[in-house]
Amino acid sequence: MNLFALNIVLAVVWCSLWADFSVLQLVVGFHVGFAALWMAQPLFDEPSPYFKRAFRVVRLVAFFFYELVISSFQVAWDVVTPRHRSTPAIIRMPLDVKSDFEILLVTNLISLTPGTLSLDVTPDRSCLIVHAMFAEDPDQLVKDLKNGMERMVKEVFE
């Protein structure tokens, strides 16, 4: 059985034991089930990538929220100060991710970050066209996006 599915079953069992099927109890049950599965990991025949993937998903979410806060302050500062420091540009970012879902996730995470907007994916799916509000050095911006958002999305699906 898939460990994620088993973790869901454990969360439902947890809610049954507490006789409370609220979202909070499901979340608590999911975390308790995750901890139980993690401690029982040596009992499984083959190592599961579930725990590594879960860690990478949490790391991606934390990185996204960090980027969201930093870029929000950067955009807000540029708006409220009299001197505008924005140097908008449209850049072309080569994509290393290949699947539709990975490309979708990278483009949406970039678009949700203030100051950047994914405009298009080339027909051969090899490049992403991005509008950036702060693109003083377009090459450095591409490097930051590739080493940040795209790398973390790629690691989640390895």
N, C-alpha and C. Protein backbone atom coordinates (compact mmCIF):
# COMPACT_ATOMS: atom_id res chain seq x y z
N MET A 1 0.84 -1.19 0.00
CA MET A 1 0.00 0.00 0.00
C MET A 1 0.88 1.24 0.00
N ASN A 2 0.46 2.24 -0.68
CA ASN A 2 1.13 3.52 -0.74
C ASN A 2 1.14 4.14 0.66
N LEU A 3 2.29 4.68 1.08
CA LEU A 3 2.38 5.25 2.43
C LEU A 3 1.52 6.49 2.60
N PHE A 4 1.34 7.26 1.54
CA PHE A 4 0.46 8.42 1.64
C PHE A 4 -0.97 7.98 1.92
N ALA A 5 -1.43 6.95 1.20
CA ALA A 5 -2.79 6.43 1.42
C ALA A 5 -2.91 5.87 2.83
N LEU A 6 -1.88 5.18 3.28
CA LEU A 6 -1.89 4.64 4.65
C LEU A 6 -1.93 5.77 5.67
N ASN A 7 -1.23 6.87 5.38
CA ASN A 7 -1.26 8.02 6.28
C ASN A 7 -2.65 8.63 6.33
N ILE A 8 -3.35 8.68 5.20
CA ILE A 8 -4.74 9.18 5.19
C ILE A 8 -5.63 8.27 6.02
N VAL A 9 -5.46 6.95 5.86
CA VAL A 9 -6.24 5.99 6.64
C VAL A 9 -5.99 6.19 8.13
N LEU A 10 -4.73 6.39 8.50
CA LEU A 10 -4.41 6.63 9.91
C LEU A 10 -5.04 7.92 10.42
N ALA A 11 -5.12 8.94 9.58
CA ALA A 11 -5.76 10.19 9.98
C ALA A 11 -7.26 9.98 10.21
N VAL A 12 -7.88 9.18 9.35
CA VAL A 12 -9.31 8.90 9.52
C VAL A 12 -9.53 8.05 10.78
N VAL A 13 -8.66 7.09 11.02
CA VAL A 13 -8.74 6.28 12.24
C VAL A 13 -8.59 7.16 13.47
N TRP A 14 -7.66 8.11 13.41
CA TRP A 14 -7.47 9.05 14.51
C TRP A 14 -8.76 9.82 14.79
N CYS A 15 -9.39 10.31 13.73
CA CYS A 15 -10.65 11.04 13.89
C CYS A 15 -11.74 10.14 14.47
N SER A 16 -11.75 8.88 14.07
CA SER A 16 -12.73 7.93 14.59
C SER A 16 -12.52 7.70 16.08
N LEU A 17 -11.28 7.58 16.48
CA LEU A 17 -10.99 7.37 17.90
C LEU A 17 -11.41 8.57 18.75
N TRP A 18 -11.27 9.76 18.21
CA TRP A 18 -11.66 10.96 18.94
C TRP A 18 -13.13 11.32 18.70
N ALA A 19 -13.79 10.62 17.79
CA ALA A 19 -15.19 10.88 17.43
C ALA A 19 -15.41 12.33 17.04
N ASP A 20 -14.45 12.86 16.28
CA ASP A 20 -14.51 14.25 15.84
C ASP A 20 -13.87 14.32 14.45
N PHE A 21 -14.71 14.51 13.44
CA PHE A 21 -14.23 14.55 12.06
C PHE A 21 -14.08 15.99 11.57
N SER A 22 -13.40 16.82 12.34
CA SER A 22 -13.14 18.20 11.94
C SER A 22 -11.84 18.25 11.14
N VAL A 23 -11.64 19.36 10.48
CA VAL A 23 -10.41 19.56 9.70
C VAL A 23 -9.20 19.54 10.64
N LEU A 24 -9.33 20.16 11.80
CA LEU A 24 -8.23 20.19 12.75
C LEU A 24 -7.84 18.78 13.17
N GLN A 25 -8.83 17.94 13.47
CA GLN A 25 -8.52 16.56 13.88
C GLN A 25 -7.90 15.76 12.74
N LEU A 26 -8.35 16.01 11.50
CA LEU A 26 -7.74 15.34 10.35
C LEU A 26 -6.27 15.75 10.20
N VAL A 27 -5.97 17.03 10.38
CA VAL A 27 -4.59 17.50 10.28
C VAL A 27 -3.74 16.90 11.40
N VAL A 28 -4.26 16.93 12.60
CA VAL A 28 -3.52 16.33 13.73
C VAL A 28 -3.32 14.84 13.49
N GLY A 29 -4.37 14.15 13.05
CA GLY A 29 -4.26 12.72 12.77
C GLY A 29 -3.27 12.43 11.66
N PHE A 30 -3.22 13.31 10.66
CA PHE A 30 -2.25 13.13 9.57
C PHE A 30 -0.83 13.24 10.10
N HIS A 31 -0.58 14.22 10.97
CA HIS A 31 0.75 14.40 11.54
C HIS A 31 1.12 13.25 12.48
N VAL A 32 0.17 12.80 13.28
CA VAL A 32 0.43 11.66 14.16
C VAL A 32 0.71 10.41 13.32
N GLY A 33 -0.08 10.22 12.27
CA GLY A 33 0.15 9.08 11.38
C GLY A 33 1.49 9.16 10.68
N PHE A 34 1.88 10.36 10.26
CA PHE A 34 3.19 10.54 9.63
C PHE A 34 4.30 10.17 10.60
N ALA A 35 4.19 10.62 11.85
CA ALA A 35 5.21 10.30 12.85
C ALA A 35 5.25 8.79 13.11
N ALA A 36 4.08 8.16 13.18
CA ALA A 36 4.04 6.71 13.40
C ALA A 36 4.67 5.95 12.24
N LEU A 37 4.37 6.36 11.03
CA LEU A 37 4.96 5.72 9.86
C LEU A 37 6.46 5.95 9.79
N TRP A 38 6.89 7.14 10.19
CA TRP A 38 8.32 7.44 10.17
C TRP A 38 9.07 6.56 11.16
N MET A 39 8.46 6.36 12.35
CA MET A 39 9.11 5.50 13.35
C MET A 39 9.06 4.03 12.94
N ALA A 40 8.05 3.65 12.17
CA ALA A 40 7.92 2.26 11.73
C ALA A 40 8.65 2.00 10.42
N GLN A 41 9.35 2.97 9.91
CA GLN A 41 10.03 2.85 8.63
C GLN A 41 10.98 1.65 8.54
N PRO A 42 11.73 1.30 9.58
CA PRO A 42 12.61 0.13 9.47
C PRO A 42 11.86 -1.19 9.27
N LEU A 43 10.58 -1.23 9.53
CA LEU A 43 9.81 -2.45 9.37
C LEU A 43 9.42 -2.73 7.92
N PHE A 44 9.51 -1.73 7.07
CA PHE A 44 9.14 -1.90 5.67
C PHE A 44 10.29 -2.53 4.90
N ASP A 45 9.95 -3.35 3.90
CA ASP A 45 10.97 -4.07 3.13
C ASP A 45 11.87 -3.12 2.35
N GLU A 46 11.27 -2.22 1.62
CA GLU A 46 12.04 -1.31 0.78
C GLU A 46 11.87 0.12 1.28
N PRO A 47 12.92 0.92 1.20
CA PRO A 47 12.79 2.31 1.64
C PRO A 47 11.83 3.08 0.74
N SER A 48 11.02 3.90 1.35
CA SER A 48 10.03 4.67 0.61
C SER A 48 10.50 6.11 0.44
N PRO A 49 10.29 6.70 -0.74
CA PRO A 49 10.64 8.11 -0.95
C PRO A 49 9.62 9.07 -0.33
N TYR A 50 8.60 8.53 0.31
CA TYR A 50 7.51 9.34 0.86
C TYR A 50 8.02 10.39 1.86
N PHE A 51 8.91 9.99 2.75
CA PHE A 51 9.37 10.91 3.79
C PHE A 51 10.28 12.00 3.22
N LYS A 52 11.12 11.62 2.26
CA LYS A 52 11.99 12.60 1.61
C LYS A 52 11.15 13.58 0.80
N ARG A 53 10.14 13.07 0.10
CA ARG A 53 9.27 13.94 -0.70
C ARG A 53 8.47 14.88 0.20
N ALA A 54 7.99 14.38 1.32
CA ALA A 54 7.23 15.22 2.25
C ALA A 54 8.10 16.37 2.77
N PHE A 55 9.36 16.05 3.10
CA PHE A 55 10.29 17.09 3.54
C PHE A 55 10.52 18.12 2.44
N ARG A 56 10.66 17.65 1.20
CA ARG A 56 10.90 18.56 0.08
C ARG A 56 9.68 19.43 -0.21
N VAL A 57 8.48 18.90 -0.03
CA VAL A 57 7.27 19.69 -0.23
C VAL A 57 7.19 20.80 0.83
N VAL A 58 7.49 20.45 2.08
CA VAL A 58 7.48 21.45 3.15
C VAL A 58 8.53 22.52 2.88
N ARG A 59 9.70 22.10 2.41
CA ARG A 59 10.76 23.05 2.09
C ARG A 59 10.36 23.97 0.94
N LEU A 60 9.68 23.43 -0.08
CA LEU A 60 9.20 24.24 -1.20
C LEU A 60 8.18 25.27 -0.72
N VAL A 61 7.25 24.85 0.12
CA VAL A 61 6.23 25.77 0.64
C VAL A 61 6.87 26.87 1.48
N ALA A 62 7.84 26.50 2.33
CA ALA A 62 8.53 27.50 3.15
C ALA A 62 9.32 28.47 2.27
N PHE A 63 10.00 27.96 1.25
CA PHE A 63 10.75 28.82 0.34
C PHE A 63 9.81 29.76 -0.41
N PHE A 64 8.67 29.25 -0.85
CA PHE A 64 7.71 30.10 -1.55
C PHE A 64 7.21 31.23 -0.64
N PHE A 65 6.87 30.90 0.61
CA PHE A 65 6.39 31.94 1.52
C PHE A 65 7.48 32.96 1.83
N TYR A 66 8.73 32.51 1.93
CA TYR A 66 9.84 33.43 2.13
C TYR A 66 9.95 34.38 0.93
N GLU A 67 9.94 33.84 -0.28
CA GLU A 67 10.02 34.66 -1.49
C GLU A 67 8.81 35.60 -1.59
N LEU A 68 7.65 35.11 -1.19
CA LEU A 68 6.43 35.92 -1.22
C LEU A 68 6.57 37.14 -0.32
N VAL A 69 7.06 36.95 0.89
CA VAL A 69 7.21 38.05 1.83
C VAL A 69 8.26 39.04 1.34
N ILE A 70 9.42 38.54 0.94
CA ILE A 70 10.50 39.41 0.49
C ILE A 70 10.07 40.24 -0.73
N SER A 71 9.47 39.57 -1.72
CA SER A 71 9.08 40.30 -2.93
C SER A 71 7.91 41.25 -2.67
N SER A 72 7.03 40.90 -1.73
CA SER A 72 5.93 41.81 -1.38
C SER A 72 6.47 43.11 -0.80
N PHE A 73 7.44 42.98 0.10
CA PHE A 73 8.05 44.19 0.67
C PHE A 73 8.80 44.98 -0.40
N GLN A 74 9.47 44.31 -1.31
CA GLN A 74 10.21 44.99 -2.37
C GLN A 74 9.26 45.77 -3.28
N VAL A 75 8.16 45.16 -3.66
CA VAL A 75 7.18 45.85 -4.52
C VAL A 75 6.51 46.98 -3.74
N ALA A 76 6.12 46.73 -2.50
CA ALA A 76 5.48 47.77 -1.70
C ALA A 76 6.41 48.97 -1.50
N TRP A 77 7.69 48.70 -1.24
CA TRP A 77 8.65 49.78 -1.04
C TRP A 77 8.79 50.61 -2.31
N ASP A 78 8.80 49.94 -3.46
CA ASP A 78 8.91 50.67 -4.72
C ASP A 78 7.67 51.52 -4.99
N VAL A 79 6.52 51.07 -4.52
CA VAL A 79 5.28 51.81 -4.74
C VAL A 79 5.19 53.03 -3.82
N VAL A 80 5.56 52.89 -2.56
CA VAL A 80 5.36 53.98 -1.60
C VAL A 80 6.48 55.00 -1.59
N THR A 81 7.63 54.69 -2.14
CA THR A 81 8.71 55.67 -2.17
C THR A 81 8.62 56.50 -3.45
N PRO A 82 9.09 57.74 -3.40
CA PRO A 82 8.97 58.60 -4.58
C PRO A 82 9.89 58.16 -5.73
N ARG A 83 10.99 57.56 -5.44
CA ARG A 83 11.92 57.13 -6.50
C ARG A 83 11.62 55.68 -6.86
N HIS A 84 11.29 55.44 -8.11
CA HIS A 84 10.99 54.09 -8.54
C HIS A 84 12.27 53.38 -8.97
N ARG A 85 12.50 52.22 -8.39
CA ARG A 85 13.70 51.45 -8.67
C ARG A 85 13.44 50.28 -9.61
N SER A 86 12.23 50.16 -10.06
CA SER A 86 11.92 49.01 -10.91
C SER A 86 12.54 49.18 -12.30
N THR A 87 13.03 48.07 -12.81
CA THR A 87 13.56 48.01 -14.17
C THR A 87 12.91 46.80 -14.84
N PRO A 88 11.68 46.99 -15.32
CA PRO A 88 10.94 45.86 -15.88
C PRO A 88 11.59 45.32 -17.15
N ALA A 89 11.44 44.00 -17.31
CA ALA A 89 11.97 43.35 -18.51
C ALA A 89 11.21 42.05 -18.73
N ILE A 90 11.21 41.63 -19.96
CA ILE A 90 10.67 40.32 -20.31
C ILE A 90 11.87 39.42 -20.58
N ILE A 91 11.94 38.33 -19.83
CA ILE A 91 13.10 37.45 -19.93
C ILE A 91 12.66 36.06 -20.39
N ARG A 92 13.61 35.33 -20.89
CA ARG A 92 13.40 33.96 -21.36
C ARG A 92 14.17 33.03 -20.43
N MET A 93 13.46 32.14 -19.76
CA MET A 93 14.09 31.23 -18.81
C MET A 93 14.03 29.80 -19.36
N PRO A 94 15.17 29.17 -19.64
CA PRO A 94 15.14 27.78 -20.08
C PRO A 94 14.60 26.88 -18.98
N LEU A 95 13.77 25.92 -19.35
CA LEU A 95 13.15 25.03 -18.36
C LEU A 95 13.86 23.69 -18.30
N ASP A 96 14.13 23.24 -17.09
CA ASP A 96 14.67 21.90 -16.87
C ASP A 96 13.56 20.91 -16.53
N VAL A 97 12.44 21.42 -15.99
CA VAL A 97 11.32 20.54 -15.68
C VAL A 97 10.63 20.15 -16.98
N LYS A 98 10.10 18.94 -17.04
CA LYS A 98 9.56 18.44 -18.30
C LYS A 98 8.07 18.12 -18.27
N SER A 99 7.55 17.60 -17.17
CA SER A 99 6.15 17.18 -17.15
C SER A 99 5.22 18.39 -17.10
N ASP A 100 4.01 18.19 -17.53
CA ASP A 100 3.02 19.28 -17.53
C ASP A 100 2.79 19.83 -16.13
N PHE A 101 2.69 18.93 -15.15
CA PHE A 101 2.41 19.38 -13.79
C PHE A 101 3.58 20.18 -13.22
N GLU A 102 4.81 19.76 -13.49
CA GLU A 102 5.97 20.50 -13.00
C GLU A 102 6.03 21.89 -13.63
N ILE A 103 5.78 21.97 -14.93
CA ILE A 103 5.77 23.27 -15.61
C ILE A 103 4.66 24.15 -15.05
N LEU A 104 3.49 23.56 -14.84
CA LEU A 104 2.36 24.30 -14.26
C LEU A 104 2.71 24.85 -12.88
N LEU A 105 3.34 24.02 -12.05
CA LEU A 105 3.68 24.44 -10.70
C LEU A 105 4.73 25.56 -10.72
N VAL A 106 5.74 25.43 -11.55
CA VAL A 106 6.77 26.47 -11.64
C VAL A 106 6.15 27.79 -12.12
N THR A 107 5.35 27.73 -13.17
CA THR A 107 4.77 28.96 -13.70
C THR A 107 3.82 29.61 -12.71
N ASN A 108 3.04 28.83 -12.01
CA ASN A 108 2.11 29.41 -11.03
C ASN A 108 2.84 29.98 -9.82
N LEU A 109 3.87 29.31 -9.35
CA LEU A 109 4.62 29.84 -8.21
C LEU A 109 5.33 31.14 -8.59
N ILE A 110 5.85 31.21 -9.81
CA ILE A 110 6.48 32.45 -10.26
C ILE A 110 5.44 33.55 -10.39
N SER A 111 4.26 33.24 -10.93
CA SER A 111 3.21 34.25 -11.11
C SER A 111 2.63 34.72 -9.78
N LEU A 112 2.61 33.85 -8.78
CA LEU A 112 2.06 34.24 -7.48
C LEU A 112 3.02 35.11 -6.68
N THR A 113 4.27 35.16 -7.08
CA THR A 113 5.25 35.99 -6.39
C THR A 113 5.15 37.41 -6.94
N PRO A 114 4.90 38.40 -6.08
CA PRO A 114 4.77 39.78 -6.57
C PRO A 114 6.04 40.24 -7.30
N GLY A 115 5.83 40.92 -8.41
CA GLY A 115 6.95 41.43 -9.19
C GLY A 115 7.32 40.55 -10.37
N THR A 116 6.78 39.35 -10.43
CA THR A 116 7.04 38.46 -11.57
C THR A 116 5.72 37.91 -12.08
N LEU A 117 5.70 37.64 -13.38
CA LEU A 117 4.50 37.10 -14.00
C LEU A 117 4.92 36.20 -15.15
N SER A 118 4.45 34.96 -15.12
CA SER A 118 4.71 34.04 -16.22
C SER A 118 3.79 34.41 -17.37
N LEU A 119 4.37 34.68 -18.52
CA LEU A 119 3.58 35.09 -19.67
C LEU A 119 3.22 33.92 -20.57
N ASP A 120 4.20 33.06 -20.86
CA ASP A 120 3.94 31.98 -21.81
C ASP A 120 5.03 30.92 -21.68
N VAL A 121 4.69 29.74 -22.17
CA VAL A 121 5.66 28.66 -22.32
C VAL A 121 5.81 28.45 -23.82
N THR A 122 7.04 28.34 -24.28
CA THR A 122 7.26 28.15 -25.71
C THR A 122 6.60 26.85 -26.17
N PRO A 123 6.22 26.76 -27.44
CA PRO A 123 5.53 25.55 -27.93
C PRO A 123 6.31 24.25 -27.72
N ASP A 124 7.64 24.33 -27.76
CA ASP A 124 8.43 23.11 -27.52
C ASP A 124 8.66 22.84 -26.03
N ARG A 125 8.09 23.68 -25.16
CA ARG A 125 8.13 23.55 -23.70
C ARG A 125 9.55 23.58 -23.14
N SER A 126 10.43 24.30 -23.83
CA SER A 126 11.81 24.37 -23.37
C SER A 126 12.12 25.68 -22.65
N CYS A 127 11.27 26.69 -22.82
CA CYS A 127 11.52 28.00 -22.21
C CYS A 127 10.23 28.58 -21.65
N LEU A 128 10.41 29.37 -20.61
CA LEU A 128 9.31 30.09 -19.98
C LEU A 128 9.57 31.58 -20.19
N ILE A 129 8.57 32.29 -20.66
CA ILE A 129 8.67 33.74 -20.85
C ILE A 129 8.10 34.40 -19.59
N VAL A 130 8.93 35.23 -18.94
CA VAL A 130 8.56 35.83 -17.65
C VAL A 130 8.72 37.34 -17.73
N HIS A 131 7.73 38.06 -17.21
CA HIS A 131 7.87 39.51 -17.02
C HIS A 131 8.31 39.73 -15.59
N ALA A 132 9.41 40.44 -15.42
CA ALA A 132 9.94 40.72 -14.08
C ALA A 132 9.96 42.22 -13.86
N MET A 133 9.53 42.63 -12.70
CA MET A 133 9.48 44.05 -12.36
C MET A 133 10.87 44.58 -12.00
N PHE A 134 11.69 43.73 -11.39
CA PHE A 134 13.04 44.12 -10.98
C PHE A 134 14.04 43.22 -11.70
N ALA A 135 14.43 43.64 -12.89
CA ALA A 135 15.35 42.83 -13.70
C ALA A 135 16.57 43.65 -14.09
N GLU A 136 17.28 44.15 -13.08
CA GLU A 136 18.49 44.92 -13.36
C GLU A 136 19.48 44.06 -14.13
N ASP A 137 19.62 42.81 -13.71
CA ASP A 137 20.51 41.85 -14.37
C ASP A 137 19.67 40.63 -14.77
N PRO A 138 19.19 40.57 -16.01
CA PRO A 138 18.32 39.47 -16.43
C PRO A 138 18.96 38.09 -16.28
N ASP A 139 20.26 38.00 -16.53
CA ASP A 139 20.94 36.70 -16.38
C ASP A 139 20.92 36.23 -14.93
N GLN A 140 21.14 37.17 -14.01
CA GLN A 140 21.11 36.81 -12.59
C GLN A 140 19.69 36.44 -12.15
N LEU A 141 18.70 37.11 -12.68
CA LEU A 141 17.31 36.79 -12.37
C LEU A 141 16.96 35.38 -12.84
N VAL A 142 17.37 35.03 -14.05
CA VAL A 142 17.13 33.68 -14.57
C VAL A 142 17.83 32.65 -13.67
N LYS A 143 19.05 32.97 -13.29
CA LYS A 143 19.82 32.06 -12.41
C LYS A 143 19.11 31.89 -11.06
N ASP A 144 18.60 32.99 -10.50
CA ASP A 144 17.90 32.92 -9.21
C ASP A 144 16.61 32.09 -9.33
N LEU A 145 15.85 32.30 -10.40
CA LEU A 145 14.61 31.53 -10.59
C LEU A 145 14.91 30.05 -10.79
N LYS A 146 15.94 29.73 -11.54
CA LYS A 146 16.28 28.34 -11.81
C LYS A 146 16.82 27.66 -10.55
N ASN A 147 17.67 28.37 -9.79
CA ASN A 147 18.25 27.78 -8.58
C ASN A 147 17.29 27.81 -7.40
N GLY A 148 16.23 28.56 -7.53
CA GLY A 148 15.26 28.64 -6.45
C GLY A 148 14.02 27.81 -6.73
N MET A 149 13.04 28.46 -7.33
CA MET A 149 11.73 27.84 -7.53
C MET A 149 11.80 26.58 -8.38
N GLU A 150 12.46 26.65 -9.53
CA GLU A 150 12.46 25.50 -10.44
C GLU A 150 13.22 24.31 -9.84
N ARG A 151 14.34 24.59 -9.19
CA ARG A 151 15.12 23.49 -8.59
C ARG A 151 14.33 22.78 -7.51
N MET A 152 13.63 23.55 -6.70
CA MET A 152 12.86 22.93 -5.61
C MET A 152 11.67 22.13 -6.14
N VAL A 153 11.01 22.64 -7.17
CA VAL A 153 9.90 21.88 -7.78
C VAL A 153 10.45 20.59 -8.39
N LYS A 154 11.58 20.67 -9.04
CA LYS A 154 12.19 19.50 -9.65
C LYS A 154 12.57 18.47 -8.59
N GLU A 155 13.07 18.91 -7.46
CA GLU A 155 13.45 18.00 -6.37
C GLU A 155 12.24 17.29 -5.79
N VAL A 156 11.11 17.96 -5.73
CA VAL A 156 9.89 17.33 -5.19
C VAL A 156 9.50 16.12 -6.04
N PHE A 157 9.67 16.21 -7.34
CA PHE A 157 9.21 15.16 -8.23
C PHE A 157 10.30 14.17 -8.66
N GLU A 158 11.46 14.23 -8.03
CA GLU A 158 12.53 13.26 -8.34
C GLU A 158 12.19 11.90 -7.79
